[in-house]
Amino acid sequence: MKRDEKSRSGMDRRSFIRTMGSGSAIAAAAATAPIVAATEAQAYDPGAEERRARYRPDSGDVTAFYRTNGYETLKK
């Protein structure tokens, strides 16, 4: 099929798919835009329990780790 025959037939398959693809992208963007804009940002407060210090260098598992891996820093 020559190029001039395609132009006479109206919309060919490639332009149809291109039109449908761009139309669906615009529709998806329009559908998600109001949902995002409708909610306000909420700050997360972790609380005192999540902010507390958890690392204890003199606990049993930490000293065992340093002892078995050959670190000399905790030997007294």
C-alpha atoms as a PDB file:
ATOM      1  CA  MET A   1       0.000   0.000   0.000  1.00  0.00           C
ATOM      2  CA  LYS A   2       1.480   3.327  -0.984  1.00  0.00           C
ATOM      3  CA  ARG A   3       1.548   6.423   1.169  1.00  0.00           C
ATOM      4  CA  ASP A   4      -1.021   8.316  -0.896  1.00  0.00           C
ATOM      5  CA  GLU A   5      -3.463   5.405  -0.617  1.00  0.00           C
ATOM      6  CA  LYS A   6      -3.204   5.522   3.206  1.00  0.00           C
ATOM      7  CA  SER A   7      -3.925   9.215   3.356  1.00  0.00           C
ATOM      8  CA  ARG A   8      -7.116   8.771   1.346  1.00  0.00           C
ATOM      9  CA  SER A   9      -8.466   6.015   3.577  1.00  0.00           C
ATOM     10  CA  GLY A  10      -8.747   8.278   6.638  1.00  0.00           C
ATOM     11  CA  MET A  11      -7.388   7.030   9.929  1.00  0.00           C
ATOM     12  CA  ASP A  12      -4.972   4.120   9.651  1.00  0.00           C
ATOM     13  CA  ARG A  13      -4.148   1.640  12.385  1.00  0.00           C
ATOM     14  CA  ARG A  14      -1.028   3.444  13.635  1.00  0.00           C
ATOM     15  CA  SER A  15      -2.747   6.795  14.082  1.00  0.00           C
ATOM     16  CA  PHE A  16      -5.745   5.096  15.710  1.00  0.00           C
ATOM     17  CA  ILE A  17      -3.536   3.406  18.322  1.00  0.00           C
ATOM     18  CA  ARG A  18      -1.603   6.636  18.899  1.00  0.00           C
ATOM     19  CA  THR A  19      -4.856   8.543  19.452  1.00  0.00           C
ATOM     20  CA  MET A  20      -6.228   5.921  21.839  1.00  0.00           C
ATOM     21  CA  GLY A  21      -2.956   5.812  23.805  1.00  0.00           C
ATOM     22  CA  SER A  22      -2.750   9.539  24.312  1.00  0.00           C
ATOM     23  CA  GLY A  23      -6.437   9.703  25.188  1.00  0.00           C
ATOM     24  CA  SER A  24      -6.110   7.024  27.856  1.00  0.00           C
ATOM     25  CA  ALA A  25      -3.043   8.747  29.347  1.00  0.00           C
ATOM     26  CA  ILE A  26      -4.945  12.024  29.621  1.00  0.00           C
ATOM     27  CA  ALA A  27      -7.943  10.262  31.156  1.00  0.00           C
ATOM     28  CA  ALA A  28      -5.745   8.523  33.744  1.00  0.00           C
ATOM     29  CA  ALA A  29      -4.061  11.789  34.687  1.00  0.00           C
ATOM     30  CA  ALA A  30      -7.403  13.525  35.011  1.00  0.00           C
ATOM     31  CA  ALA A  31      -8.773  10.731  37.185  1.00  0.00           C
ATOM     32  CA  THR A  32      -5.890  10.788  39.667  1.00  0.00           C
ATOM     33  CA  ALA A  33      -5.446  14.553  39.921  1.00  0.00           C
ATOM     34  CA  PRO A  34      -8.498  15.314  42.117  1.00  0.00           C
ATOM     35  CA  ILE A  35      -7.700  12.434  44.495  1.00  0.00           C
ATOM     36  CA  VAL A  36      -4.191  13.715  45.170  1.00  0.00           C
ATOM     37  CA  ALA A  37      -5.266  17.320  45.585  1.00  0.00           C
ATOM     38  CA  ALA A  38      -8.171  16.520  47.922  1.00  0.00           C
ATOM     39  CA  THR A  39      -6.131  15.221  50.872  1.00  0.00           C
ATOM     40  CA  GLU A  40      -3.813  17.221  53.098  1.00  0.00           C
ATOM     41  CA  ALA A  41      -0.464  15.931  54.268  1.00  0.00           C
ATOM     42  CA  GLN A  42      -0.441  14.454  57.760  1.00  0.00           C
ATOM     43  CA  ALA A  43       2.707  14.462  59.868  1.00  0.00           C
ATOM     44  CA  TYR A  44       3.747  11.131  61.356  1.00  0.00           C
ATOM     45  CA  ASP A  45       4.506  11.182  65.070  1.00  0.00           C
ATOM     46  CA  PRO A  46       6.554   8.099  65.961  1.00  0.00           C
ATOM     47  CA  GLY A  47       6.101   8.522  69.706  1.00  0.00           C
ATOM     48  CA  ALA A  48       8.548   8.016  72.526  1.00  0.00           C
ATOM     49  CA  GLU A  49       8.692   4.234  72.130  1.00  0.00           C
ATOM     50  CA  GLU A  50      10.007   4.392  68.567  1.00  0.00           C
ATOM     51  CA  ARG A  51      12.504   7.166  69.278  1.00  0.00           C
ATOM     52  CA  ARG A  52      14.226   5.458  72.185  1.00  0.00           C
ATOM     53  CA  ALA A  53      17.779   4.160  71.889  1.00  0.00           C
ATOM     54  CA  ARG A  54      17.928   0.456  71.129  1.00  0.00           C
ATOM     55  CA  TYR A  55      21.648  -0.239  70.783  1.00  0.00           C
ATOM     56  CA  ARG A  56      23.268  -1.486  73.975  1.00  0.00           C
ATOM     57  CA  PRO A  57      26.973  -2.208  73.494  1.00  0.00           C
ATOM     58  CA  ASP A  58      27.246  -4.275  76.680  1.00  0.00           C
ATOM     59  CA  SER A  59      24.394  -6.664  75.890  1.00  0.00           C
ATOM     60  CA  GLY A  60      25.095 -10.346  75.452  1.00  0.00           C
ATOM     61  CA  ASP A  61      24.484 -10.631  71.741  1.00  0.00           C
ATOM     62  CA  VAL A  62      26.632  -7.599  70.899  1.00  0.00           C
ATOM     63  CA  THR A  63      29.567  -8.792  72.978  1.00  0.00           C
ATOM     64  CA  ALA A  64      29.250 -12.274  71.467  1.00  0.00           C
ATOM     65  CA  PHE A  65      29.328 -10.772  67.960  1.00  0.00           C
ATOM     66  CA  TYR A  66      32.508  -8.817  68.634  1.00  0.00           C
ATOM     67  CA  ARG A  67      34.105 -11.777  70.433  1.00  0.00           C
ATOM     68  CA  THR A  68      33.421 -14.298  67.651  1.00  0.00           C
ATOM     69  CA  ASN A  69      34.451 -11.959  64.819  1.00  0.00           C
ATOM     70  CA  GLY A  70      37.823 -11.147  66.338  1.00  0.00           C
ATOM     71  CA  TYR A  71      37.294  -7.544  67.309  1.00  0.00           C
ATOM     72  CA  GLU A  72      39.536  -6.451  70.152  1.00  0.00           C
ATOM     73  CA  THR A  73      37.627  -3.268  71.020  1.00  0.00           C
ATOM     74  CA  LEU A  74      35.396  -4.692  73.750  1.00  0.00           C
ATOM     75  CA  LYS A  75      38.041  -6.718  75.578  1.00  0.00           C
ATOM     76  CA  LYS A  76      38.730  -5.222  78.986  1.00  0.00           C
END
